[in-house]
Amino acid sequence: ISSFQVYIIQVSVGNHQWTVKHRYSDFHDLHEKLVSEKKIDKNLLPPKKMIGKNSKSLVEKRQKELEVYLQTLLIKFPVTAPKVLSHFLHFHLYVS
Protein backbone atom coordinates (compact mmCIF):
# COMPACT_ATOMS: atom_id res chain seq x y z
CA ILE A 1 0.00 0.00 0.00
CA SER A 2 1.45 3.34 -0.93
CA SER A 3 0.56 6.26 1.25
CA PHE A 4 0.87 9.90 0.39
CA GLN A 5 0.53 13.18 2.17
CA VAL A 6 -2.03 15.77 1.18
CA TYR A 7 -1.08 19.31 2.17
CA ILE A 8 -3.82 21.69 3.21
CA ILE A 9 -2.59 25.15 2.36
CA GLN A 10 -4.14 28.45 3.45
CA VAL A 11 -4.22 30.93 0.57
CA SER A 12 -4.93 34.62 1.02
CA VAL A 13 -5.37 37.23 -1.65
CA GLY A 14 -6.47 40.64 -0.48
CA ASN A 15 -9.37 40.11 1.93
CA HIS A 16 -10.10 36.61 0.64
CA GLN A 17 -8.85 33.44 2.32
CA TRP A 18 -9.44 29.81 1.45
CA THR A 19 -7.67 26.48 1.55
CA VAL A 20 -6.43 24.23 -1.20
CA LYS A 21 -5.50 20.58 -0.84
CA HIS A 22 -2.74 19.11 -2.97
CA ARG A 23 -0.16 16.36 -2.92
CA TYR A 24 3.49 17.32 -3.25
CA SER A 25 3.45 15.88 -6.78
CA ASP A 26 0.77 18.47 -7.69
CA PHE A 27 3.07 21.24 -6.48
CA HIS A 28 5.92 19.70 -8.47
CA ASP A 29 3.82 19.57 -11.66
CA LEU A 30 2.74 23.20 -11.16
CA HIS A 31 6.34 24.23 -10.57
CA GLU A 32 7.62 22.46 -13.67
CA LYS A 33 5.05 24.29 -15.81
CA LEU A 34 5.85 27.66 -14.25
CA VAL A 35 9.59 27.13 -14.66
CA SER A 36 9.20 26.35 -18.37
CA GLU A 37 6.42 28.86 -19.19
CA LYS A 38 7.15 31.77 -16.83
CA LYS A 39 10.85 31.33 -16.06
CA ILE A 40 10.25 30.93 -12.31
CA ASP A 41 13.39 30.16 -10.29
CA LYS A 42 13.62 26.37 -10.33
CA ASN A 43 14.94 26.40 -6.74
CA LEU A 44 11.83 28.13 -5.39
CA LEU A 45 9.95 24.89 -4.66
CA PRO A 46 11.03 23.07 -1.47
CA PRO A 47 12.93 19.87 -2.33
CA LYS A 48 11.13 16.57 -2.74
CA LYS A 49 13.45 14.19 -0.93
CA MET A 50 12.87 14.02 2.79
CA ILE A 51 13.97 11.31 5.19
CA GLY A 52 11.07 10.32 7.43
CA LYS A 53 8.78 12.29 5.16
CA ASN A 54 5.62 11.24 6.98
CA SER A 55 6.73 12.33 10.45
CA LYS A 56 4.42 14.98 11.85
CA SER A 57 7.13 17.62 12.31
CA LEU A 58 8.45 17.22 8.75
CA VAL A 59 4.94 17.30 7.30
CA GLU A 60 4.24 20.53 9.21
CA LYS A 61 7.57 22.03 8.08
CA ARG A 62 6.92 21.19 4.44
CA GLN A 63 3.37 22.52 4.66
CA LYS A 64 4.73 25.87 5.86
CA GLU A 65 7.33 25.85 3.07
CA LEU A 66 4.64 25.14 0.47
CA GLU A 67 2.53 27.99 1.87
CA VAL A 68 5.49 30.33 1.50
CA TYR A 69 6.03 29.01 -2.03
CA LEU A 70 2.45 29.85 -3.04
CA GLN A 71 2.53 33.27 -1.37
CA THR A 72 5.80 34.00 -3.23
CA LEU A 73 4.13 33.08 -6.52
CA LEU A 74 1.19 35.36 -5.74
CA ILE A 75 3.61 38.23 -5.04
CA LYS A 76 5.44 37.48 -8.29
CA PHE A 77 2.17 37.68 -10.27
CA PRO A 78 0.30 40.51 -8.50
CA VAL A 79 -2.08 41.42 -11.31
CA THR A 80 -2.76 38.30 -13.35
CA ALA A 81 -1.74 34.85 -12.21
CA PRO A 82 -0.80 32.38 -14.95
CA LYS A 83 -3.71 30.08 -15.87
CA VAL A 84 -1.98 27.02 -14.42
CA LEU A 85 -1.51 28.80 -11.07
CA SER A 86 -5.08 30.15 -11.06
CA HIS A 87 -6.42 26.66 -11.62
CA PHE A 88 -4.14 25.18 -8.93
CA LEU A 89 -5.41 27.76 -6.43
CA HIS A 90 -9.06 27.22 -7.48
CA PHE A 91 -9.53 30.89 -8.39
CA HIS A 92 -12.41 29.85 -10.65
CA LEU A 93 -14.39 28.87 -7.54
CA TYR A 94 -13.92 32.22 -5.82
CA VAL A 95 -13.87 34.87 -8.51
CA SER A 96 -17.33 36.33 -9.03
PDB file of N, CA and C in Angstrom:
ATOM      1  N   ILE A   1       0.860  -1.189   0.000  1.00  0.00           N
ATOM      2  CA  ILE A   1       0.000   0.000   0.000  1.00  0.00           C
ATOM      3  C   ILE A   1       0.893   1.235   0.000  1.00  0.00           C
ATOM      4  N   SER A   2       0.667   2.103  -0.936  1.00  0.00           N
ATOM      5  CA  SER A   2       1.446   3.339  -0.932  1.00  0.00           C
ATOM      6  C   SER A   2       0.615   4.415  -0.256  1.00  0.00           C
ATOM      7  N   SER A   3       1.272   5.174   0.581  1.00  0.00           N
ATOM      8  CA  SER A   3       0.557   6.258   1.247  1.00  0.00           C
ATOM      9  C   SER A   3       1.170   7.568   0.772  1.00  0.00           C
ATOM     10  N   PHE A   4       0.375   8.601   0.795  1.00  0.00           N
ATOM     11  CA  PHE A   4       0.873   9.905   0.388  1.00  0.00           C
ATOM     12  C   PHE A   4       0.266  10.959   1.270  1.00  0.00           C
ATOM     13  N   GLN A   5       0.951  12.068   1.334  1.00  0.00           N
ATOM     14  CA  GLN A   5       0.533  13.177   2.172  1.00  0.00           C
ATOM     15  C   GLN A   5      -0.194  14.205   1.325  1.00  0.00           C
ATOM     16  N   VAL A   6      -1.328  14.662   1.816  1.00  0.00           N
ATOM     17  CA  VAL A   6      -2.026  15.771   1.177  1.00  0.00           C
ATOM     18  C   VAL A   6      -1.800  17.001   2.057  1.00  0.00           C
ATOM     19  N   TYR A   7      -1.343  18.067   1.430  1.00  0.00           N
ATOM     20  CA  TYR A   7      -1.076  19.306   2.168  1.00  0.00           C
ATOM     21  C   TYR A   7      -2.262  20.236   2.037  1.00  0.00           C
ATOM     22  N   ILE A   8      -2.704  20.737   3.174  1.00  0.00           N
ATOM     23  CA  ILE A   8      -3.821  21.686   3.212  1.00  0.00           C
ATOM     24  C   ILE A   8      -3.198  23.058   3.414  1.00  0.00           C
ATOM     25  N   ILE A   9      -3.282  23.878   2.380  1.00  0.00           N
ATOM     26  CA  ILE A   9      -2.586  25.154   2.362  1.00  0.00           C
ATOM     27  C   ILE A   9      -3.583  26.303   2.418  1.00  0.00           C
ATOM     28  N   GLN A  10      -3.328  27.237   3.328  1.00  0.00           N
ATOM     29  CA  GLN A  10      -4.138  28.446   3.453  1.00  0.00           C
ATOM     30  C   GLN A  10      -3.658  29.449   2.420  1.00  0.00           C
ATOM     31  N   VAL A  11      -4.563  29.936   1.592  1.00  0.00           N
ATOM     32  CA  VAL A  11      -4.224  30.928   0.574  1.00  0.00           C
ATOM     33  C   VAL A  11      -4.953  32.215   0.930  1.00  0.00           C
ATOM     34  N   SER A  12      -4.250  33.339   0.808  1.00  0.00           N
ATOM     35  CA  SER A  12      -4.930  34.617   1.025  1.00  0.00           C
ATOM     36  C   SER A  12      -4.531  35.605  -0.054  1.00  0.00           C
ATOM     37  N   VAL A  13      -5.552  36.209  -0.628  1.00  0.00           N
ATOM     38  CA  VAL A  13      -5.370  37.230  -1.650  1.00  0.00           C
ATOM     39  C   VAL A  13      -6.270  38.389  -1.257  1.00  0.00           C
ATOM     40  N   GLY A  14      -5.671  39.513  -0.942  1.00  0.00           N
ATOM     41  CA  GLY A  14      -6.468  40.643  -0.478  1.00  0.00           C
ATOM     42  C   GLY A  14      -7.225  40.256   0.786  1.00  0.00           C
ATOM     43  N   ASN A  15      -8.536  40.454   0.769  1.00  0.00           N
ATOM     44  CA  ASN A  15      -9.366  40.115   1.928  1.00  0.00           C
ATOM     45  C   ASN A  15      -9.907  38.691   1.872  1.00  0.00           C
ATOM     46  N   HIS A  16      -9.561  37.959   0.836  1.00  0.00           N
ATOM     47  CA  HIS A  16     -10.102  36.614   0.644  1.00  0.00           C
ATOM     48  C   HIS A  16      -9.119  35.565   1.162  1.00  0.00           C
ATOM     49  N   GLN A  17      -9.660  34.563   1.860  1.00  0.00           N
ATOM     50  CA  GLN A  17      -8.852  33.443   2.318  1.00  0.00           C
ATOM     51  C   GLN A  17      -9.603  32.153   2.050  1.00  0.00           C
ATOM     52  N   TRP A  18      -8.867  31.128   1.648  1.00  0.00           N
ATOM     53  CA  TRP A  18      -9.441  29.812   1.447  1.00  0.00           C
ATOM     54  C   TRP A  18      -8.327  28.788   1.547  1.00  0.00           C
ATOM     55  N   THR A  19      -8.683  27.530   1.499  1.00  0.00           N
ATOM     56  CA  THR A  19      -7.674  26.479   1.553  1.00  0.00           C
ATOM     57  C   THR A  19      -7.709  25.666   0.267  1.00  0.00           C
ATOM     58  N   VAL A  20      -6.541  25.168  -0.095  1.00  0.00           N
ATOM     59  CA  VAL A  20      -6.431  24.231  -1.203  1.00  0.00           C
ATOM     60  C   VAL A  20      -5.749  22.984  -0.671  1.00  0.00           C
ATOM     61  N   LYS A  21      -6.080  21.852  -1.261  1.00  0.00           N
ATOM     62  CA  LYS A  21      -5.502  20.576  -0.842  1.00  0.00           C
ATOM     63  C   LYS A  21      -4.815  19.933  -2.038  1.00  0.00           C
ATOM     64  N   HIS A  22      -3.509  19.701  -1.883  1.00  0.00           N
ATOM     65  CA  HIS A  22      -2.738  19.110  -2.969  1.00  0.00           C
ATOM     66  C   HIS A  22      -1.655  18.196  -2.418  1.00  0.00           C
ATOM     67  N   ARG A  23      -1.309  17.203  -3.209  1.00  0.00           N
ATOM     68  CA  ARG A  23      -0.156  16.364  -2.916  1.00  0.00           C
ATOM     69  C   ARG A  23       1.105  17.116  -3.357  1.00  0.00           C
ATOM     70  N   TYR A  24       2.242  16.679  -2.836  1.00  0.00           N
ATOM     71  CA  TYR A  24       3.490  17.322  -3.249  1.00  0.00           C
ATOM     72  C   TYR A  24       3.670  17.206  -4.763  1.00  0.00           C
ATOM     73  N   SER A  25       3.284  16.073  -5.327  1.00  0.00           N
ATOM     74  CA  SER A  25       3.447  15.878  -6.777  1.00  0.00           C
ATOM     75  C   SER A  25       2.667  16.934  -7.571  1.00  0.00           C
ATOM     76  N   ASP A  26       1.533  17.399  -7.031  1.00  0.00           N
ATOM     77  CA  ASP A  26       0.770  18.468  -7.690  1.00  0.00           C
ATOM     78  C   ASP A  26       1.579  19.767  -7.708  1.00  0.00           C
ATOM     79  N   PHE A  27       2.225  20.055  -6.563  1.00  0.00           N
ATOM     80  CA  PHE A  27       3.074  21.242  -6.484  1.00  0.00           C
ATOM     81  C   PHE A  27       4.229  21.121  -7.481  1.00  0.00           C
ATOM     82  N   HIS A  28       4.798  19.929  -7.557  1.00  0.00           N
ATOM     83  CA  HIS A  28       5.918  19.705  -8.467  1.00  0.00           C
ATOM     84  C   HIS A  28       5.489  19.927  -9.919  1.00  0.00           C
ATOM     85  N   ASP A  29       4.334  19.391 -10.288  1.00  0.00           N
ATOM     86  CA  ASP A  29       3.818  19.572 -11.655  1.00  0.00           C
ATOM     87  C   ASP A  29       3.587  21.057 -11.962  1.00  0.00           C
ATOM     88  N   LEU A  30       2.965  21.759 -11.011  1.00  0.00           N
ATOM     89  CA  LEU A  30       2.744  23.196 -11.163  1.00  0.00           C
ATOM     90  C   LEU A  30       4.079  23.905 -11.366  1.00  0.00           C
ATOM     91  N   HIS A  31       5.040  23.570 -10.531  1.00  0.00           N
ATOM     92  CA  HIS A  31       6.337  24.232 -10.569  1.00  0.00           C
ATOM     93  C   HIS A  31       7.040  24.002 -11.911  1.00  0.00           C
ATOM     94  N   GLU A  32       6.993  22.774 -12.387  1.00  0.00           N
ATOM     95  CA  GLU A  32       7.623  22.463 -13.675  1.00  0.00           C
ATOM     96  C   GLU A  32       7.022  23.318 -14.795  1.00  0.00           C
ATOM     97  N   LYS A  33       5.712  23.477 -14.790  1.00  0.00           N
ATOM     98  CA  LYS A  33       5.045  24.293 -15.811  1.00  0.00           C
ATOM     99  C   LYS A  33       5.443  25.761 -15.692  1.00  0.00           C
ATOM    100  N   LEU A  34       5.494  26.256 -14.454  1.00  0.00           N
ATOM    101  CA  LEU A  34       5.852  27.665 -14.248  1.00  0.00           C
ATOM    102  C   LEU A  34       7.313  27.932 -14.597  1.00  0.00           C
ATOM    103  N   VAL A  35       8.177  26.978 -14.315  1.00  0.00           N
ATOM    104  CA  VAL A  35       9.594  27.133 -14.663  1.00  0.00           C
ATOM    105  C   VAL A  35       9.736  27.224 -16.179  1.00  0.00           C
ATOM    106  N   SER A  36       9.049  26.348 -16.910  1.00  0.00           N
ATOM    107  CA  SER A  36       9.197  26.352 -18.368  1.00  0.00           C
ATOM    108  C   SER A  36       8.442  27.507 -19.028  1.00  0.00           C
ATOM    109  N   GLU A  37       7.240  27.831 -18.526  1.00  0.00           N
ATOM    110  CA  GLU A  37       6.424  28.858 -19.187  1.00  0.00           C
ATOM    111  C   GLU A  37       6.727  30.280 -18.704  1.00  0.00           C
ATOM    112  N   LYS A  38       7.028  30.425 -17.423  1.00  0.00           N
ATOM    113  CA  LYS A  38       7.146  31.767 -16.833  1.00  0.00           C
ATOM    114  C   LYS A  38       8.538  32.058 -16.284  1.00  0.00           C
ATOM    115  N   LYS A  39       9.457  31.142 -16.493  1.00  0.00           N
ATOM    116  CA  LYS A  39      10.847  31.330 -16.061  1.00  0.00           C
ATOM    117  C   LYS A  39      10.974  31.588 -14.557  1.00  0.00           C
ATOM    118  N   ILE A  40      10.159  30.863 -13.776  1.00  0.00           N
ATOM    119  CA  ILE A  40      10.253  30.932 -12.309  1.00  0.00           C
ATOM    120  C   ILE A  40      11.568  30.282 -11.885  1.00  0.00           C
ATOM    121  N   ASP A  41      12.159  30.761 -10.822  1.00  0.00           N
ATOM    122  CA  ASP A  41      13.388  30.162 -10.289  1.00  0.00           C
ATOM    123  C   ASP A  41      13.122  28.700  -9.934  1.00  0.00           C
ATOM    124  N   LYS A  42      13.884  27.803 -10.543  1.00  0.00           N
ATOM    125  CA  LYS A  42      13.621  26.373 -10.327  1.00  0.00           C
ATOM    126  C   LYS A  42      13.906  25.935  -8.902  1.00  0.00           C
ATOM    127  N   ASN A  43      14.639  26.742  -8.130  1.00  0.00           N
ATOM    128  CA  ASN A  43      14.940  26.396  -6.738  1.00  0.00           C
ATOM    129  C   ASN A  43      13.899  26.916  -5.746  1.00  0.00           C
ATOM    130  N   LEU A  44      12.853  27.536  -6.261  1.00  0.00           N
ATOM    131  CA  LEU A  44      11.833  28.127  -5.388  1.00  0.00           C
ATOM    132  C   LEU A  44      11.023  27.061  -4.639  1.00  0.00           C
ATOM    133  N   LEU A  45      10.750  25.945  -5.288  1.00  0.00           N
ATOM    134  CA  LEU A  45       9.951  24.886  -4.664  1.00  0.00           C
ATOM    135  C   LEU A  45      10.801  24.125  -3.654  1.00  0.00           C
ATOM    136  N   PRO A  46      10.274  23.875  -2.436  1.00  0.00           N
ATOM    137  CA  PRO A  46      11.030  23.070  -1.467  1.00  0.00           C
ATOM    138  C   PRO A  46      11.362  21.702  -2.069  1.00  0.00           C
ATOM    139  N   PRO A  47      12.516  21.137  -1.721  1.00  0.00           N
ATOM    140  CA  PRO A  47      12.933  19.866  -2.329  1.00  0.00           C
ATOM    141  C   PRO A  47      12.008  18.703  -1.996  1.00  0.00           C
ATOM    142  N   LYS A  48      12.005  17.720  -2.892  1.00  0.00           N
ATOM    143  CA  LYS A  48      11.128  16.568  -2.735  1.00  0.00           C
ATOM    144  C   LYS A  48      11.641  15.573  -1.708  1.00  0.00           C
ATOM    145  N   LYS A  49      12.908  15.250  -1.765  1.00  0.00           N
ATOM    146  CA  LYS A  49      13.453  14.187  -0.931  1.00  0.00           C
ATOM    147  C   LYS A  49      13.495  14.593   0.537  1.00  0.00           C
ATOM    148  N   MET A  50      12.848  13.795   1.347  1.00  0.00           N
ATOM    149  CA  MET A  50      12.868  14.017   2.794  1.00  0.00           C
ATOM    150  C   MET A  50      12.944  12.667   3.479  1.00  0.00           C
ATOM    151  N   ILE A  51      13.880  12.524   4.381  1.00  0.00           N
ATOM    152  CA  ILE A  51      13.966  11.310   5.189  1.00  0.00           C
ATOM    153  C   ILE A  51      12.859  11.392   6.237  1.00  0.00           C
ATOM    154  N   GLY A  52      12.164  10.305   6.450  1.00  0.00           N
ATOM    155  CA  GLY A  52      11.069  10.315   7.427  1.00  0.00           C
ATOM    156  C   GLY A  52       9.972  11.267   7.018  1.00  0.00           C
ATOM    157  N   LYS A  53       9.657  11.260   5.718  1.00  0.00           N
ATOM    158  CA  LYS A  53       8.778  12.286   5.162  1.00  0.00           C
ATOM    159  C   LYS A  53       7.370  12.308   5.745  1.00  0.00           C
ATOM    160  N   ASN A  54       6.972  11.247   6.416  1.00  0.00           N
ATOM    161  CA  ASN A  54       5.622  11.240   6.984  1.00  0.00           C
ATOM    162  C   ASN A  54       5.596  11.573   8.471  1.00  0.00           C
ATOM    163  N   SER A  55       6.752  11.934   9.043  1.00  0.00           N
ATOM    164  CA  SER A  55       6.731  12.328  10.450  1.00  0.00           C
ATOM    165  C   SER A  55       5.992  13.659  10.577  1.00  0.00           C
ATOM    166  N   LYS A  56       5.280  13.810  11.669  1.00  0.00           N
ATOM    167  CA  LYS A  56       4.422  14.976  11.851  1.00  0.00           C
ATOM    168  C   LYS A  56       5.198  16.286  11.732  1.00  0.00           C
ATOM    169  N   SER A  57       6.375  16.368  12.339  1.00  0.00           N
ATOM    170  CA  SER A  57       7.125  17.625  12.312  1.00  0.00           C
ATOM    171  C   SER A  57       7.594  17.964  10.896  1.00  0.00           C
ATOM    172  N   LEU A  58       8.013  16.953  10.122  1.00  0.00           N
ATOM    173  CA  LEU A  58       8.451  17.219   8.755  1.00  0.00           C
ATOM    174  C   LEU A  58       7.280  17.592   7.849  1.00  0.00           C
ATOM    175  N   VAL A  59       6.142  16.958   8.073  1.00  0.00           N
ATOM    176  CA  VAL A  59       4.939  17.300   7.297  1.00  0.00           C
ATOM    177  C   VAL A  59       4.557  18.755   7.573  1.00  0.00           C
ATOM    178  N   GLU A  60       4.586  19.154   8.851  1.00  0.00           N
ATOM    179  CA  GLU A  60       4.240  20.535   9.208  1.00  0.00           C
ATOM    180  C   GLU A  60       5.243  21.521   8.615  1.00  0.00           C
ATOM    181  N   LYS A  61       6.530  21.161   8.638  1.00  0.00           N
ATOM    182  CA  LYS A  61       7.572  22.027   8.081  1.00  0.00           C
ATOM    183  C   LYS A  61       7.362  22.194   6.575  1.00  0.00           C
ATOM    184  N   ARG A  62       7.129  21.096   5.889  1.00  0.00           N
ATOM    185  CA  ARG A  62       6.924  21.187   4.435  1.00  0.00           C
ATOM    186  C   ARG A  62       5.657  21.975   4.125  1.00  0.00           C
ATOM    187  N   GLN A  63       4.616  21.782   4.904  1.00  0.00           N
ATOM    188  CA  GLN A  63       3.373  22.518   4.665  1.00  0.00           C
ATOM    189  C   GLN A  63       3.631  24.021   4.737  1.00  0.00           C
ATOM    190  N   LYS A  64       4.393  24.456   5.740  1.00  0.00           N
ATOM    191  CA  LYS A  64       4.734  25.874   5.857  1.00  0.00           C
ATOM    192  C   LYS A  64       5.565  26.329   4.657  1.00  0.00           C
ATOM    193  N   GLU A  65       6.506  25.512   4.224  1.00  0.00           N
ATOM    194  CA  GLU A  65       7.334  25.854   3.065  1.00  0.00           C
ATOM    195  C   GLU A  65       6.495  25.976   1.797  1.00  0.00           C
ATOM    196  N   LEU A  66       5.508  25.090   1.653  1.00  0.00           N
ATOM    197  CA  LEU A  66       4.644  25.145   0.473  1.00  0.00           C
ATOM    198  C   LEU A  66       3.743  26.376   0.514  1.00  0.00           C
ATOM    199  N   GLU A  67       3.311  26.760   1.723  1.00  0.00           N
ATOM    200  CA  GLU A  67       2.525  27.986   1.871  1.00  0.00           C
ATOM    201  C   GLU A  67       3.348  29.196   1.435  1.00  0.00           C
ATOM    202  N   VAL A  68       4.598  29.242   1.885  1.00  0.00           N
ATOM    203  CA  VAL A  68       5.495  30.331   1.500  1.00  0.00           C
ATOM    204  C   VAL A  68       5.703  30.324  -0.014  1.00  0.00           C
ATOM    205  N   TYR A  69       5.856  29.141  -0.583  1.00  0.00           N
ATOM    206  CA  TYR A  69       6.026  29.011  -2.033  1.00  0.00           C
ATOM    207  C   TYR A  69       4.846  29.648  -2.775  1.00  0.00           C
ATOM    208  N   LEU A  70       3.622  29.299  -2.359  1.00  0.00           N
ATOM    209  CA  LEU A  70       2.445  29.850  -3.041  1.00  0.00           C
ATOM    210  C   LEU A  70       2.332  31.360  -2.842  1.00  0.00           C
ATOM    211  N   GLN A  71       2.605  31.830  -1.626  1.00  0.00           N
ATOM    212  CA  GLN A  71       2.535  33.274  -1.373  1.00  0.00           C
ATOM    213  C   GLN A  71       3.573  34.007  -2.229  1.00  0.00           C
ATOM    214  N   THR A  72       4.754  33.412  -2.395  1.00  0.00           N
ATOM    215  CA  THR A  72       5.801  33.997  -3.235  1.00  0.00           C
ATOM    216  C   THR A  72       5.324  34.091  -4.683  1.00  0.00           C
ATOM    217  N   LEU A  73       4.661  33.050  -5.150  1.00  0.00           N
ATOM    218  CA  LEU A  73       4.128  33.083  -6.520  1.00  0.00           C
ATOM    219  C   LEU A  73       3.086  34.189  -6.675  1.00  0.00           C
ATOM    220  N   LEU A  74       2.234  34.336  -5.663  1.00  0.00           N
ATOM    221  CA  LEU A  74       1.192  35.363  -5.740  1.00  0.00           C
ATOM    222  C   LEU A  74       1.797  36.766  -5.738  1.00  0.00           C
ATOM    223  N   ILE A  75       2.915  36.944  -5.032  1.00  0.00           N
ATOM    224  CA  ILE A  75       3.608  38.229  -5.037  1.00  0.00           C
ATOM    225  C   ILE A  75       4.247  38.464  -6.412  1.00  0.00           C
ATOM    226  N   LYS A  76       4.770  37.391  -6.994  1.00  0.00           N
ATOM    227  CA  LYS A  76       5.444  37.483  -8.295  1.00  0.00           C
ATOM    228  C   LYS A  76       4.452  37.826  -9.415  1.00  0.00           C
ATOM    229  N   PHE A  77       3.205  37.405  -9.265  1.00  0.00           N
ATOM    230  CA  PHE A  77       2.171  37.680 -10.266  1.00  0.00           C
ATOM    231  C   PHE A  77       1.038  38.474  -9.615  1.00  0.00           C
ATOM    232  N   PRO A  78       1.285  39.750  -9.282  1.00  0.00           N
ATOM    233  CA  PRO A  78       0.303  40.514  -8.497  1.00  0.00           C
ATOM    234  C   PRO A  78      -0.977  40.867  -9.245  1.00  0.00           C
ATOM    235  N   VAL A  79      -0.900  40.986 -10.553  1.00  0.00           N
ATOM    236  CA  VAL A  79      -2.077  41.421 -11.313  1.00  0.00           C
ATOM    237  C   VAL A  79      -2.821  40.236 -11.902  1.00  0.00           C
ATOM    238  N   THR A  80      -2.133  39.447 -12.700  1.00  0.00           N
ATOM    239  CA  THR A  80      -2.758  38.303 -13.350  1.00  0.00           C
ATOM    240  C   THR A  80      -1.908  37.064 -13.137  1.00  0.00           C
ATOM    241  N   ALA A  81      -2.454  36.107 -12.418  1.00  0.00           N
ATOM    242  CA  ALA A  81      -1.743  34.846 -12.205  1.00  0.00           C
ATOM    243  C   ALA A  81      -1.811  34.019 -13.484  1.00  0.00           C
ATOM    244  N   PRO A  82      -0.745  33.280 -13.799  1.00  0.00           N
ATOM    245  CA  PRO A  82      -0.803  32.378 -14.948  1.00  0.00           C
ATOM    246  C   PRO A  82      -1.961  31.387 -14.791  1.00  0.00           C
ATOM    247  N   LYS A  83      -2.533  30.967 -15.894  1.00  0.00           N
ATOM    248  CA  LYS A  83      -3.707  30.084 -15.875  1.00  0.00           C
ATOM    249  C   LYS A  83      -3.459  28.832 -15.023  1.00  0.00           C
ATOM    250  N   VAL A  84      -2.280  28.240 -15.161  1.00  0.00           N
ATOM    251  CA  VAL A  84      -1.978  27.019 -14.423  1.00  0.00           C
ATOM    252  C   VAL A  84      -1.977  27.270 -12.911  1.00  0.00           C
ATOM    253  N   LEU A  85      -1.510  28.440 -12.496  1.00  0.00           N
ATOM    254  CA  LEU A  85      -1.515  28.796 -11.067  1.00  0.00           C
ATOM    255  C   LEU A  85      -2.935  29.099 -10.598  1.00  0.00           C
ATOM    256  N   SER A  86      -3.683  29.837 -11.407  1.00  0.00           N
ATOM    257  CA  SER A  86      -5.077  30.150 -11.056  1.00  0.00           C
ATOM    258  C   SER A  86      -5.890  28.878 -10.847  1.00  0.00           C
ATOM    259  N   HIS A  87      -5.698  27.922 -11.739  1.00  0.00           N
ATOM    260  CA  HIS A  87      -6.421  26.658 -11.625  1.00  0.00           C
ATOM    261  C   HIS A  87      -5.992  25.900 -10.357  1.00  0.00           C
ATOM    262  N   PHE A  88      -4.701  25.862 -10.099  1.00  0.00           N
ATOM    263  CA  PHE A  88      -4.143  25.180  -8.926  1.00  0.00           C
ATOM    264  C   PHE A  88      -4.728  25.755  -7.638  1.00  0.00           C
ATOM    265  N   LEU A  89      -4.897  27.078  -7.618  1.00  0.00           N
ATOM    266  CA  LEU A  89      -5.414  27.761  -6.426  1.00  0.00           C
ATOM    267  C   LEU A  89      -6.939  27.842  -6.401  1.00  0.00           C
ATOM    268  N   HIS A  90      -7.588  27.248  -7.395  1.00  0.00           N
ATOM    269  CA  HIS A  90      -9.057  27.216  -7.480  1.00  0.00           C
ATOM    270  C   HIS A  90      -9.676  28.611  -7.568  1.00  0.00           C
ATOM    271  N   PHE A  91      -8.982  29.547  -8.232  1.00  0.00           N
ATOM    272  CA  PHE A  91      -9.533  30.887  -8.389  1.00  0.00           C
ATOM    273  C   PHE A  91     -10.918  30.860  -9.015  1.00  0.00           C
ATOM    274  N   HIS A  92     -11.130  29.906  -9.937  1.00  0.00           N
ATOM    275  CA  HIS A  92     -12.413  29.848 -10.645  1.00  0.00           C
ATOM    276  C   HIS A  92     -13.592  29.608  -9.691  1.00  0.00           C
ATOM    277  N   LEU A  93     -13.314  29.098  -8.506  1.00  0.00           N
ATOM    278  CA  LEU A  93     -14.387  28.872  -7.536  1.00  0.00           C
ATOM    279  C   LEU A  93     -14.705  30.114  -6.712  1.00  0.00           C
ATOM    280  N   TYR A  94     -13.780  31.077  -6.714  1.00  0.00           N
ATOM    281  CA  TYR A  94     -13.922  32.216  -5.818  1.00  0.00           C
ATOM    282  C   TYR A  94     -14.091  33.552  -6.515  1.00  0.00           C
ATOM    283  N   VAL A  95     -13.740  33.609  -7.783  1.00  0.00           N
ATOM    284  CA  VAL A  95     -13.872  34.865  -8.507  1.00  0.00           C
ATOM    285  C   VAL A  95     -15.310  35.008  -8.973  1.00  0.00           C
ATOM    286  N   SER A  96     -15.916  36.149  -8.662  1.00  0.00           N
ATOM    287  CA  SER A  96     -17.329  36.330  -9.034  1.00  0.00           C
ATOM    288  C   SER A  96     -17.459  36.978 -10.390  1.00  0.00           C
TER     289      SER A  96
END
